[in-house]
Structure formats: structure tokens, C-alpha cells
């Protein structure tokens, strides 16, 4: 990874965070909870994949449609996140393999 790649990655992350900050407060709270949850158990390619920007896209569409964030994702944030990553290799999988000795 070159220094240019690192700088470009930081620019993209800052732009992503600016989009999150532009969301209504309730959306921001739920996004941060989702992000926290996904960083703990989410897919191993989370930091450079399309999942987080996709969530922001989805939330922006919800705001435009005038829907509350809980109308979009339902009452259980963790269950919604689990549904997003159900077919991905997760940190939870890696941990389970390390504990079981696979």
C-alpha cells in the first residue's frame, strides 16, 4: 500500500463521515450503533468494502422518503446488521475458529 493509497483512503473516509453527519440525529445514532456492532462482529472486509457507504445510501433514501430510521431497519439493530452480513466471513467466525482450534 502506497502513501497515495493511504491518503486517498483517508479522503474517502472523511467524505463518508461528512455524509453521516449530514443525516438527522436519530439516523446518526443508529448508524453509529450499527458501525460499532459491525466492527465487532461484521465482515472482515468491512473497512474497505461497500457495506458502510451502502448503509448511508439507504439512510439518505429513507430521509428523502420522510421515514424514521426505525421504520427502515426495524426494532432490532443487531438483527438488521446480521441480515446484512449473513453470507460474509465475519470476525465472529474467525474468533469461533480460533477457540475451536479449526
Protein backbone atom coordinates (compact mmCIF):
# COMPACT_ATOMS: atom_id res chain seq x y z
CA UNK A 1 0.00 0.00 0.00
CA UNK A 2 1.49 3.28 -1.08
CA UNK A 3 1.29 6.62 0.69
CA UNK A 4 -1.04 7.79 -2.08
CA UNK A 5 -3.43 4.91 -1.30
CA UNK A 6 -3.40 5.79 2.39
CA UNK A 7 -4.13 9.47 1.69
CA UNK A 8 -6.90 8.57 -0.75
CA UNK A 9 -8.42 6.18 1.78
CA UNK A 10 -8.45 8.92 4.43
CA UNK A 11 -10.13 11.33 2.00
CA UNK A 12 -12.81 8.76 1.24
CA UNK A 13 -13.36 8.04 4.94
CA UNK A 14 -13.69 11.75 5.75
CA UNK A 15 -16.20 12.19 2.93
CA UNK A 16 -18.12 9.20 4.29
CA UNK A 17 -18.18 10.70 7.79
CA UNK A 18 -19.40 14.02 6.36
CA UNK A 19 -22.34 12.19 4.79
CA UNK A 20 -23.14 10.55 8.14
CA UNK A 21 -23.03 13.92 9.92
CA UNK A 22 -25.50 15.31 7.38
CA UNK A 23 -28.11 12.74 8.44
CA UNK A 24 -30.77 13.60 11.05
CA UNK A 25 -29.69 12.92 14.67
CA UNK A 26 -31.72 9.71 15.08
CA UNK A 27 -30.18 8.28 11.91
CA UNK A 28 -26.70 9.23 13.14
CA UNK A 29 -27.25 7.44 16.44
CA UNK A 30 -28.45 4.26 14.76
CA UNK A 31 -25.62 4.42 12.20
CA UNK A 32 -23.03 4.69 14.98
CA UNK A 33 -24.58 1.73 16.79
CA UNK A 34 -24.57 -0.29 13.56
CA UNK A 35 -20.97 0.70 12.88
CA UNK A 36 -19.91 -0.30 16.40
CA UNK A 37 -21.70 -3.64 16.09
CA UNK A 38 -20.31 -4.35 12.63
CA UNK A 39 -16.74 -3.53 13.65
CA UNK A 40 -17.08 -6.12 16.44
CA UNK A 41 -18.71 -8.98 14.55
CA UNK A 42 -19.03 -7.78 10.97
CA UNK A 43 -17.35 -8.93 7.80
CA UNK A 44 -13.57 -8.98 7.70
CA UNK A 45 -13.54 -6.71 4.64
CA UNK A 46 -15.75 -4.09 6.33
CA UNK A 47 -13.31 -1.19 6.36
CA UNK A 48 -12.70 -1.19 2.60
CA UNK A 49 -15.94 -2.71 1.33
CA UNK A 50 -19.24 -1.23 0.16
CA UNK A 51 -21.28 -2.05 3.27
CA UNK A 52 -20.94 1.18 5.28
CA UNK A 53 -21.40 3.51 2.29
CA UNK A 54 -24.38 1.36 1.29
CA UNK A 55 -25.95 1.87 4.69
CA UNK A 56 -25.54 5.64 4.34
CA UNK A 57 -27.11 5.49 0.85
CA UNK A 58 -30.03 3.52 2.32
CA UNK A 59 -30.43 6.02 5.16
CA UNK A 60 -30.29 9.00 2.80
CA UNK A 61 -33.09 7.44 0.75
CA UNK A 62 -35.10 6.95 3.96
CA UNK A 63 -34.63 10.58 4.92
CA UNK A 64 -35.72 11.69 1.44
CA UNK A 65 -38.82 9.49 1.72
CA UNK A 66 -39.63 11.02 5.11
CA UNK A 67 -39.32 7.75 7.03
CA UNK A 68 -37.97 7.31 10.53
CA UNK A 69 -34.86 5.21 10.88
CA UNK A 70 -36.67 2.51 12.86
CA UNK A 71 -39.23 2.21 10.06
CA UNK A 72 -36.36 1.29 7.75
CA UNK A 73 -34.46 -1.19 9.86
CA UNK A 74 -36.99 -2.47 12.39
CA UNK A 75 -36.74 -2.60 16.18
CA UNK A 76 -33.58 -4.75 16.42
CA UNK A 77 -30.42 -3.08 15.11
CA UNK A 78 -28.27 -6.17 15.67
CA UNK A 79 -30.69 -8.42 13.77
CA UNK A 80 -30.71 -5.95 10.87
CA UNK A 81 -26.90 -5.93 10.82
CA UNK A 82 -26.77 -9.72 11.00
CA UNK A 83 -29.02 -9.86 7.96
CA UNK A 84 -26.64 -7.58 6.06
CA UNK A 85 -23.62 -9.80 6.72
CA UNK A 86 -25.24 -13.23 6.79
CA UNK A 87 -23.26 -14.53 3.79
CA UNK A 88 -19.95 -12.89 4.71
CA UNK A 89 -17.00 -14.22 6.65
CA UNK A 90 -17.10 -12.32 9.94
CA UNK A 91 -14.78 -11.59 12.84
CA UNK A 92 -17.12 -13.73 14.94
CA UNK A 93 -16.39 -16.65 12.58
CA UNK A 94 -12.64 -16.10 12.94
CA UNK A 95 -12.94 -15.97 16.71
CA UNK A 96 -15.06 -19.13 16.80
CA UNK A 97 -12.48 -20.93 14.65
CA UNK A 98 -9.63 -19.81 16.89
CA UNK A 99 -11.45 -21.04 20.01
CA UNK A 100 -12.40 -24.38 18.50
CA UNK A 101 -8.94 -24.92 17.00
CA UNK A 102 -10.02 -25.23 13.36
